[in-house]
PDB file of N, CA and C in Angstrom:
ATOM      1  N   MET A   1      -5.574  11.477  13.241  1.00  0.00           N
ATOM      2  CA  MET A   1      -4.512  10.734  12.748  1.00  0.00           C
ATOM      3  C   MET A   1      -5.040   9.425  12.222  1.00  0.00           C
ATOM      4  N   CYS A   2      -5.889   8.625  12.718  1.00  0.00           N
ATOM      5  CA  CYS A   2      -6.401   7.340  12.333  1.00  0.00           C
ATOM      6  C   CYS A   2      -7.165   7.618  11.148  1.00  0.00           C
ATOM      7  N   ALA A   3      -7.983   8.720  10.949  1.00  0.00           N
ATOM      8  CA  ALA A   3      -8.620   9.179   9.711  1.00  0.00           C
ATOM      9  C   ALA A   3      -7.774   9.295   8.501  1.00  0.00           C
ATOM     10  N   ALA A   4      -6.666   9.942   8.740  1.00  0.00           N
ATOM     11  CA  ALA A   4      -5.604  10.439   7.878  1.00  0.00           C
ATOM     12  C   ALA A   4      -4.903   9.009   7.153  1.00  0.00           C
ATOM     13  N   VAL A   5      -4.687   8.297   8.060  1.00  0.00           N
ATOM     14  CA  VAL A   5      -4.126   6.806   7.722  1.00  0.00           C
ATOM     15  C   VAL A   5      -5.180   6.111   6.950  1.00  0.00           C
ATOM     16  N   SER A   6      -6.274   5.950   7.376  1.00  0.00           N
ATOM     17  CA  SER A   6      -7.449   5.261   6.717  1.00  0.00           C
ATOM     18  C   SER A   6      -7.743   5.755   5.297  1.00  0.00           C
ATOM     19  N   VAL A   7      -7.795   7.049   5.110  1.00  0.00           N
ATOM     20  CA  VAL A   7      -7.977   7.661   3.800  1.00  0.00           C
ATOM     21  C   VAL A   7      -7.053   7.275   2.813  1.00  0.00           C
ATOM     22  N   LEU A   8      -5.668   7.548   3.396  1.00  0.00           N
ATOM     23  CA  LEU A   8      -4.410   7.120   2.486  1.00  0.00           C
ATOM     24  C   LEU A   8      -4.490   5.809   2.199  1.00  0.00           C
ATOM     25  N   ALA A   9      -4.724   4.856   3.011  1.00  0.00           N
ATOM     26  CA  ALA A   9      -4.515   3.554   2.756  1.00  0.00           C
ATOM     27  C   ALA A   9      -5.643   2.837   1.781  1.00  0.00           C
ATOM     28  N   ARG A  10      -6.801   3.467   2.192  1.00  0.00           N
ATOM     29  CA  ARG A  10      -8.025   3.049   1.339  1.00  0.00           C
ATOM     30  C   ARG A  10      -8.040   3.576  -0.052  1.00  0.00           C
ATOM     31  N   THR A  11      -7.466   4.766  -0.190  1.00  0.00           N
ATOM     32  CA  THR A  11      -7.636   5.250  -1.492  1.00  0.00           C
ATOM     33  C   THR A  11      -6.430   4.626  -2.324  1.00  0.00           C
ATOM     34  N   ALA A  12      -5.262   4.450  -1.742  1.00  0.00           N
ATOM     35  CA  ALA A  12      -4.173   3.758  -2.431  1.00  0.00           C
ATOM     36  C   ALA A  12      -4.739   2.375  -2.962  1.00  0.00           C
ATOM     37  N   LEU A  13      -5.300   1.581  -1.892  1.00  0.00           N
ATOM     38  CA  LEU A  13      -5.685   0.323  -2.321  1.00  0.00           C
ATOM     39  C   LEU A  13      -6.813   0.338  -3.555  1.00  0.00           C
ATOM     40  N   SER A  14      -7.698   1.133  -3.321  1.00  0.00           N
ATOM     41  CA  SER A  14      -8.748   1.219  -4.296  1.00  0.00           C
ATOM     42  C   SER A  14      -8.319   1.619  -5.623  1.00  0.00           C
ATOM     43  N   THR A  15      -7.211   2.550  -5.763  1.00  0.00           N
ATOM     44  CA  THR A  15      -6.596   3.038  -6.894  1.00  0.00           C
ATOM     45  C   THR A  15      -5.674   2.005  -7.494  1.00  0.00           C
ATOM     46  N   LEU A  16      -5.119   1.246  -6.757  1.00  0.00           N
ATOM     47  CA  LEU A  16      -4.241   0.265  -7.335  1.00  0.00           C
ATOM     48  C   LEU A  16      -5.072  -0.814  -7.875  1.00  0.00           C
ATOM     49  N   SER A  17      -6.091  -1.308  -7.125  1.00  0.00           N
ATOM     50  CA  SER A  17      -7.034  -2.355  -7.503  1.00  0.00           C
ATOM     51  C   SER A  17      -7.843  -2.022  -8.884  1.00  0.00           C
ATOM     52  N   ALA A  18      -8.008  -0.938  -9.059  1.00  0.00           N
ATOM     53  CA  ALA A  18      -8.807  -0.443 -10.337  1.00  0.00           C
ATOM     54  C   ALA A  18      -8.057  -0.422 -11.538  1.00  0.00           C
ATOM     55  N   ILE A  19      -6.634  -0.495 -11.514  1.00  0.00           N
ATOM     56  CA  ILE A  19      -5.746  -0.416 -12.621  1.00  0.00           C
ATOM     57  C   ILE A  19      -5.743  -1.834 -13.372  1.00  0.00           C
ATOM     58  N   ASP A  20      -6.174  -1.813 -14.566  1.00  0.00           N
ATOM     59  CA  ASP A  20      -5.930  -3.006 -15.338  1.00  0.00           C
ATOM     60  C   ASP A  20      -4.640  -3.700 -15.378  1.00  0.00           C
ATOM     61  N   GLY A  21      -4.749  -5.115 -15.041  1.00  0.00           N
ATOM     62  CA  GLY A  21      -3.282  -5.646 -15.013  1.00  0.00           C
ATOM     63  C   GLY A  21      -2.567  -5.688 -13.798  1.00  0.00           C
ATOM     64  N   ILE A  22      -3.108  -5.095 -12.670  1.00  0.00           N
ATOM     65  CA  ILE A  22      -2.592  -5.153 -11.342  1.00  0.00           C
ATOM     66  C   ILE A  22      -3.421  -6.238 -10.524  1.00  0.00           C
ATOM     67  N   ALA A  23      -2.793  -7.183  -9.879  1.00  0.00           N
ATOM     68  CA  ALA A  23      -3.344  -8.096  -9.028  1.00  0.00           C
ATOM     69  C   ALA A  23      -3.080  -7.679  -7.509  1.00  0.00           C
ATOM     70  N   VAL A  24      -4.065  -7.398  -6.789  1.00  0.00           N
ATOM     71  CA  VAL A  24      -3.767  -7.011  -5.392  1.00  0.00           C
ATOM     72  C   VAL A  24      -4.476  -7.889  -4.568  1.00  0.00           C
ATOM     73  N   VAL A  25      -3.673  -8.433  -3.468  1.00  0.00           N
ATOM     74  CA  VAL A  25      -4.385  -9.277  -2.369  1.00  0.00           C
ATOM     75  C   VAL A  25      -4.441  -8.581  -1.040  1.00  0.00           C
ATOM     76  N   VAL A  26      -5.628  -8.561  -0.575  1.00  0.00           N
ATOM     77  CA  VAL A  26      -5.750  -7.729   0.834  1.00  0.00           C
ATOM     78  C   VAL A  26      -5.477  -8.974   1.772  1.00  0.00           C
ATOM     79  N   GLU A  27      -4.479  -8.558   2.832  1.00  0.00           N
ATOM     80  CA  GLU A  27      -4.231  -9.440   3.919  1.00  0.00           C
ATOM     81  C   GLU A  27      -5.262  -9.496   5.073  1.00  0.00           C
ATOM     82  N   PRO A  28      -5.534 -10.411   5.778  1.00  0.00           N
ATOM     83  CA  PRO A  28      -6.730 -10.643   6.482  1.00  0.00           C
ATOM     84  C   PRO A  28      -6.466  -9.525   7.761  1.00  0.00           C
ATOM     85  N   PRO A  29      -7.515  -8.659   7.785  1.00  0.00           N
ATOM     86  CA  PRO A  29      -7.417  -7.547   8.718  1.00  0.00           C
ATOM     87  C   PRO A  29      -7.267  -7.895  10.037  1.00  0.00           C
ATOM     88  N   GLU A  30      -6.362  -7.067  10.732  1.00  0.00           N
ATOM     89  CA  GLU A  30      -6.503  -7.100  12.230  1.00  0.00           C
ATOM     90  C   GLU A  30      -6.820  -5.588  12.668  1.00  0.00           C
ATOM     91  N   ARG A  31      -7.284  -5.477  13.949  1.00  0.00           N
ATOM     92  CA  ARG A  31      -7.784  -4.126  14.395  1.00  0.00           C
ATOM     93  C   ARG A  31      -6.511  -3.251  14.371  1.00  0.00           C
ATOM     94  N   GLY A  32      -6.831  -2.099  13.602  1.00  0.00           N
ATOM     95  CA  GLY A  32      -5.630  -1.121  13.570  1.00  0.00           C
ATOM     96  C   GLY A  32      -4.640  -1.385  12.606  1.00  0.00           C
ATOM     97  N   SER A  33      -4.759  -2.123  11.694  1.00  0.00           N
ATOM     98  CA  SER A  33      -3.903  -2.502  10.526  1.00  0.00           C
ATOM     99  C   SER A  33      -4.534  -2.756   9.290  1.00  0.00           C
ATOM    100  N   LEU A  34      -3.772  -2.558   8.241  1.00  0.00           N
ATOM    101  CA  LEU A  34      -4.245  -2.835   6.927  1.00  0.00           C
ATOM    102  C   LEU A  34      -2.956  -3.331   6.077  1.00  0.00           C
ATOM    103  N   GLY A  35      -3.022  -4.521   5.576  1.00  0.00           N
ATOM    104  CA  GLY A  35      -1.839  -4.956   4.708  1.00  0.00           C
ATOM    105  C   GLY A  35      -2.432  -5.391   3.329  1.00  0.00           C
ATOM    106  N   PHE A  36      -1.682  -5.259   2.465  1.00  0.00           N
ATOM    107  CA  PHE A  36      -1.869  -5.649   1.061  1.00  0.00           C
ATOM    108  C   PHE A  36      -0.713  -5.936   0.380  1.00  0.00           C
ATOM    109  N   VAL A  37      -0.792  -6.797  -0.747  1.00  0.00           N
ATOM    110  CA  VAL A  37       0.298  -7.160  -1.491  1.00  0.00           C
ATOM    111  C   VAL A  37      -0.162  -6.835  -2.944  1.00  0.00           C
ATOM    112  N   VAL A  38       0.720  -6.314  -3.619  1.00  0.00           N
ATOM    113  CA  VAL A  38       0.484  -6.066  -5.116  1.00  0.00           C
ATOM    114  C   VAL A  38       1.435  -7.178  -5.796  1.00  0.00           C
ATOM    115  N   LEU A  39       0.591  -8.066  -6.472  1.00  0.00           N
ATOM    116  CA  LEU A  39       1.226  -9.295  -7.037  1.00  0.00           C
ATOM    117  C   LEU A  39       1.798  -9.012  -8.459  1.00  0.00           C
ATOM    118  N   GLU A  40       1.067  -8.386  -9.244  1.00  0.00           N
ATOM    119  CA  GLU A  40       1.465  -8.161 -10.578  1.00  0.00           C
ATOM    120  C   GLU A  40       1.267  -6.780 -10.954  1.00  0.00           C
ATOM    121  N   VAL A  41       2.208  -6.146 -11.756  1.00  0.00           N
ATOM    122  CA  VAL A  41       2.136  -4.865 -12.087  1.00  0.00           C
ATOM    123  C   VAL A  41       2.629  -4.926 -13.549  1.00  0.00           C
ATOM    124  N   PRO A  42       1.799  -4.328 -14.417  1.00  0.00           N
ATOM    125  CA  PRO A  42       2.032  -4.139 -15.876  1.00  0.00           C
ATOM    126  C   PRO A  42       3.520  -3.468 -16.080  1.00  0.00           C
ATOM    127  N   ARG A  43       3.897  -3.898 -17.290  1.00  0.00           N
ATOM    128  CA  ARG A  43       5.540  -3.220 -17.484  1.00  0.00           C
ATOM    129  C   ARG A  43       5.367  -1.707 -17.478  1.00  0.00           C
ATOM    130  N   GLU A  44       4.189  -0.983 -17.894  1.00  0.00           N
ATOM    131  CA  GLU A  44       4.235   0.271 -17.986  1.00  0.00           C
ATOM    132  C   GLU A  44       3.827   0.769 -16.494  1.00  0.00           C
ATOM    133  N   GLY A  45       4.550   0.508 -15.497  1.00  0.00           N
ATOM    134  CA  GLY A  45       4.383   0.679 -14.064  1.00  0.00           C
ATOM    135  C   GLY A  45       4.522   2.053 -13.348  1.00  0.00           C
ATOM    136  N   ALA A  46       4.539   3.114 -14.355  1.00  0.00           N
ATOM    137  CA  ALA A  46       4.755   4.316 -13.603  1.00  0.00           C
ATOM    138  C   ALA A  46       3.522   4.949 -12.832  1.00  0.00           C
ATOM    139  N   TYR A  47       2.459   4.591 -13.227  1.00  0.00           N
ATOM    140  CA  TYR A  47       1.263   5.173 -12.515  1.00  0.00           C
ATOM    141  C   TYR A  47       1.158   4.194 -11.116  1.00  0.00           C
ATOM    142  N   PRO A  48       1.321   2.920 -11.109  1.00  0.00           N
ATOM    143  CA  PRO A  48       1.334   2.179  -9.789  1.00  0.00           C
ATOM    144  C   PRO A  48       2.270   2.523  -8.968  1.00  0.00           C
ATOM    145  N   ALA A  49       3.606   2.825  -9.487  1.00  0.00           N
ATOM    146  CA  ALA A  49       4.624   3.063  -8.777  1.00  0.00           C
ATOM    147  C   ALA A  49       4.319   4.420  -8.112  1.00  0.00           C
ATOM    148  N   GLY A  50       3.631   5.460  -8.726  1.00  0.00           N
ATOM    149  CA  GLY A  50       3.174   6.736  -8.313  1.00  0.00           C
ATOM    150  C   GLY A  50       2.341   6.662  -7.241  1.00  0.00           C
ATOM    151  N   ALA A  51       1.415   5.883  -7.333  1.00  0.00           N
ATOM    152  CA  ALA A  51       0.387   5.618  -6.234  1.00  0.00           C
ATOM    153  C   ALA A  51       1.005   4.905  -5.072  1.00  0.00           C
ATOM    154  N   SER A  52       1.944   4.092  -5.211  1.00  0.00           N
ATOM    155  CA  SER A  52       2.674   3.564  -4.051  1.00  0.00           C
ATOM    156  C   SER A  52       3.392   4.541  -3.366  1.00  0.00           C
ATOM    157  N   ALA A  53       4.181   5.320  -4.151  1.00  0.00           N
ATOM    158  CA  ALA A  53       5.133   6.277  -3.643  1.00  0.00           C
ATOM    159  C   ALA A  53       4.251   7.496  -2.742  1.00  0.00           C
ATOM    160  N   PHE A  54       3.111   7.699  -3.207  1.00  0.00           N
ATOM    161  CA  PHE A  54       2.321   8.682  -2.546  1.00  0.00           C
ATOM    162  C   PHE A  54       1.773   8.212  -1.284  1.00  0.00           C
ATOM    163  N   LEU A  55       1.460   6.799  -1.287  1.00  0.00           N
ATOM    164  CA  LEU A  55       1.055   5.994   0.077  1.00  0.00           C
ATOM    165  C   LEU A  55       2.146   6.123   1.155  1.00  0.00           C
ATOM    166  N   VAL A  56       3.307   5.715   0.635  1.00  0.00           N
ATOM    167  CA  VAL A  56       4.475   5.562   1.415  1.00  0.00           C
ATOM    168  C   VAL A  56       4.845   6.886   2.003  1.00  0.00           C
ATOM    169  N   GLU A  57       4.917   7.900   1.274  1.00  0.00           N
ATOM    170  CA  GLU A  57       5.396   9.120   1.657  1.00  0.00           C
ATOM    171  C   GLU A  57       4.359   9.753   2.641  1.00  0.00           C
ATOM    172  N   GLY A  58       3.057   9.637   2.229  1.00  0.00           N
ATOM    173  CA  GLY A  58       1.841  10.139   3.302  1.00  0.00           C
ATOM    174  C   GLY A  58       1.922   9.560   4.677  1.00  0.00           C
ATOM    175  N   LEU A  59       2.096   8.076   4.624  1.00  0.00           N
ATOM    176  CA  LEU A  59       2.112   7.241   5.731  1.00  0.00           C
ATOM    177  C   LEU A  59       3.469   7.496   6.602  1.00  0.00           C
ATOM    178  N   SER A  60       4.467   7.847   5.913  1.00  0.00           N
ATOM    179  CA  SER A  60       5.823   7.949   6.625  1.00  0.00           C
ATOM    180  C   SER A  60       5.725   9.472   7.230  1.00  0.00           C
ATOM    181  N   SER A  61       5.111  10.352   6.614  1.00  0.00           N
ATOM    182  CA  SER A  61       4.820  11.752   7.297  1.00  0.00           C
ATOM    183  C   SER A  61       4.153  11.655   8.671  1.00  0.00           C
ATOM    184  N   ILE A  62       3.015  10.850   8.564  1.00  0.00           N
ATOM    185  CA  ILE A  62       2.244  10.737   9.684  1.00  0.00           C
ATOM    186  C   ILE A  62       2.885   9.882  10.780  1.00  0.00           C
ATOM    187  N   ALA A  63       3.768   8.935  10.457  1.00  0.00           N
ATOM    188  CA  ALA A  63       4.720   8.205  11.369  1.00  0.00           C
ATOM    189  C   ALA A  63       5.712   8.979  12.033  1.00  0.00           C
ATOM    190  N   ARG A  64       6.250  10.062  11.196  1.00  0.00           N
ATOM    191  CA  ARG A  64       7.142  10.987  11.890  1.00  0.00           C
ATOM    192  C   ARG A  64       6.446  11.885  12.883  1.00  0.00           C
ATOM    193  N   ASP A  65       5.466  12.300  12.710  1.00  0.00           N
ATOM    194  CA  ASP A  65       4.476  13.251  13.544  1.00  0.00           C
ATOM    195  C   ASP A  65       4.039  12.376  14.714  1.00  0.00           C
ATOM    196  N   TYR A  66       3.539  11.202  14.424  1.00  0.00           N
ATOM    197  CA  TYR A  66       3.055  10.452  15.573  1.00  0.00           C
ATOM    198  C   TYR A  66       3.750   8.990  15.696  1.00  0.00           C
ATOM    199  N   PRO A  67       4.998   8.992  16.186  1.00  0.00           N
ATOM    200  CA  PRO A  67       5.712   7.634  15.943  1.00  0.00           C
ATOM    201  C   PRO A  67       5.040   6.691  17.086  1.00  0.00           C
ATOM    202  N   ASP A  68       4.552   6.991  18.172  1.00  0.00           N
ATOM    203  CA  ASP A  68       3.949   6.135  19.226  1.00  0.00           C
ATOM    204  C   ASP A  68       2.599   5.467  18.635  1.00  0.00           C
ATOM    205  N   PHE A  69       2.090   5.877  17.612  1.00  0.00           N
ATOM    206  CA  PHE A  69       0.759   5.461  17.015  1.00  0.00           C
ATOM    207  C   PHE A  69       0.800   4.944  15.560  1.00  0.00           C
ATOM    208  N   CYS A  70       1.850   5.216  14.839  1.00  0.00           N
ATOM    209  CA  CYS A  70       1.864   4.844  13.581  1.00  0.00           C
ATOM    210  C   CYS A  70       3.238   4.554  13.052  1.00  0.00           C
ATOM    211  N   SER A  71       3.345   3.253  12.393  1.00  0.00           N
ATOM    212  CA  SER A  71       4.750   2.771  11.801  1.00  0.00           C
ATOM    213  C   SER A  71       4.357   2.342  10.380  1.00  0.00           C
ATOM    214  N   VAL A  72       5.544   2.407   9.735  1.00  0.00           N
ATOM    215  CA  VAL A  72       5.563   2.052   8.214  1.00  0.00           C
ATOM    216  C   VAL A  72       6.494   0.976   7.884  1.00  0.00           C
ATOM    217  N   ARG A  73       6.009  -0.093   7.384  1.00  0.00           N
ATOM    218  CA  ARG A  73       6.982  -1.203   6.848  1.00  0.00           C
ATOM    219  C   ARG A  73       6.593  -1.586   5.629  1.00  0.00           C
ATOM    220  N   VAL A  74       7.752  -1.384   4.582  1.00  0.00           N
ATOM    221  CA  VAL A  74       7.560  -1.720   3.289  1.00  0.00           C
ATOM    222  C   VAL A  74       8.459  -2.755   2.907  1.00  0.00           C
ATOM    223  N   ARG A  75       7.986  -3.784   2.391  1.00  0.00           N
ATOM    224  CA  ARG A  75       8.718  -5.037   1.864  1.00  0.00           C
ATOM    225  C   ARG A  75       8.709  -5.012   0.265  1.00  0.00           C
ATOM    226  N   THR A  76       9.810  -4.994  -0.235  1.00  0.00           N
ATOM    227  CA  THR A  76       9.752  -5.186  -1.706  1.00  0.00           C
ATOM    228  C   THR A  76      10.525  -6.439  -2.094  1.00  0.00           C
ATOM    229  N   GLU A  77       9.644  -7.264  -2.766  1.00  0.00           N
ATOM    230  CA  GLU A  77      10.358  -8.491  -3.355  1.00  0.00           C
ATOM    231  C   GLU A  77      10.013  -8.842  -4.583  1.00  0.00           C
ATOM    232  N   ARG A  78      10.622  -9.394  -5.497  1.00  0.00           N
ATOM    233  CA  ARG A  78      10.099  -9.771  -6.742  1.00  0.00           C
ATOM    234  C   ARG A  78      10.117 -11.454  -6.732  1.00  0.00           C
ATOM    235  N   ARG A  79       8.807 -11.985  -6.854  1.00  0.00           N
ATOM    236  CA  ARG A  79       8.684 -13.349  -6.716  1.00  0.00           C
ATOM    237  C   ARG A  79       8.255 -13.837  -8.072  1.00  0.00           C
ATOM    238  N   LYS A  80       8.483 -15.143  -8.440  1.00  0.00           N
ATOM    239  CA  LYS A  80       7.785 -15.585  -9.522  1.00  0.00           C
ATOM    240  C   LYS A  80       6.513 -16.256  -9.126  1.00  0.00           C
ATOM    241  N   GLY A  81       5.506 -16.291 -10.266  1.00  0.00           N
ATOM    242  CA  GLY A  81       4.181 -16.930  -9.819  1.00  0.00           C
ATOM    243  C   GLY A  81       3.616 -15.958  -8.963  1.00  0.00           C
ATOM    244  N   ASN A  82       2.470 -16.424  -8.256  1.00  0.00           N
ATOM    245  CA  ASN A  82       1.684 -15.433  -7.422  1.00  0.00           C
ATOM    246  C   ASN A  82       1.632 -16.055  -6.045  1.00  0.00           C
ATOM    247  N   GLY A  83       2.806 -16.708  -5.587  1.00  0.00           N
ATOM    248  CA  GLY A  83       2.869 -17.146  -4.305  1.00  0.00           C
ATOM    249  C   GLY A  83       3.626 -16.279  -3.429  1.00  0.00           C
ATOM    250  N   TYR A  84       2.974 -15.073  -3.041  1.00  0.00           N
ATOM    251  CA  TYR A  84       3.611 -14.028  -2.317  1.00  0.00           C
ATOM    252  C   TYR A  84       3.879 -14.308  -0.754  1.00  0.00           C
TER     253      TYR A  84
END
C-alpha cells in the first residue's frame, strides 16, 4: 500500500512540475505524508486537470481499501498572487 501511494504521488508531482507554465510548491515533508500546492496553471489546463484527477482517483481508491492507513484531503482554492 505504501509503495502504491508513493508511486502515484511522486509521479503526479513530477508530471505536474514538468509542464511549462505550472508552478508547484512542495510542502515540508513529514514522515508518512506528502503535500504540494499547484500555484499556477496555464489556461489550457486539461492536461494538469487530468493528472490531478488521476492522482485523486488513485489515492481515493487506496483509501477506500485501506481506510486505517490512507486518507485523502483535497483543498481547492483560487487565490490571487502566489500566497498559497
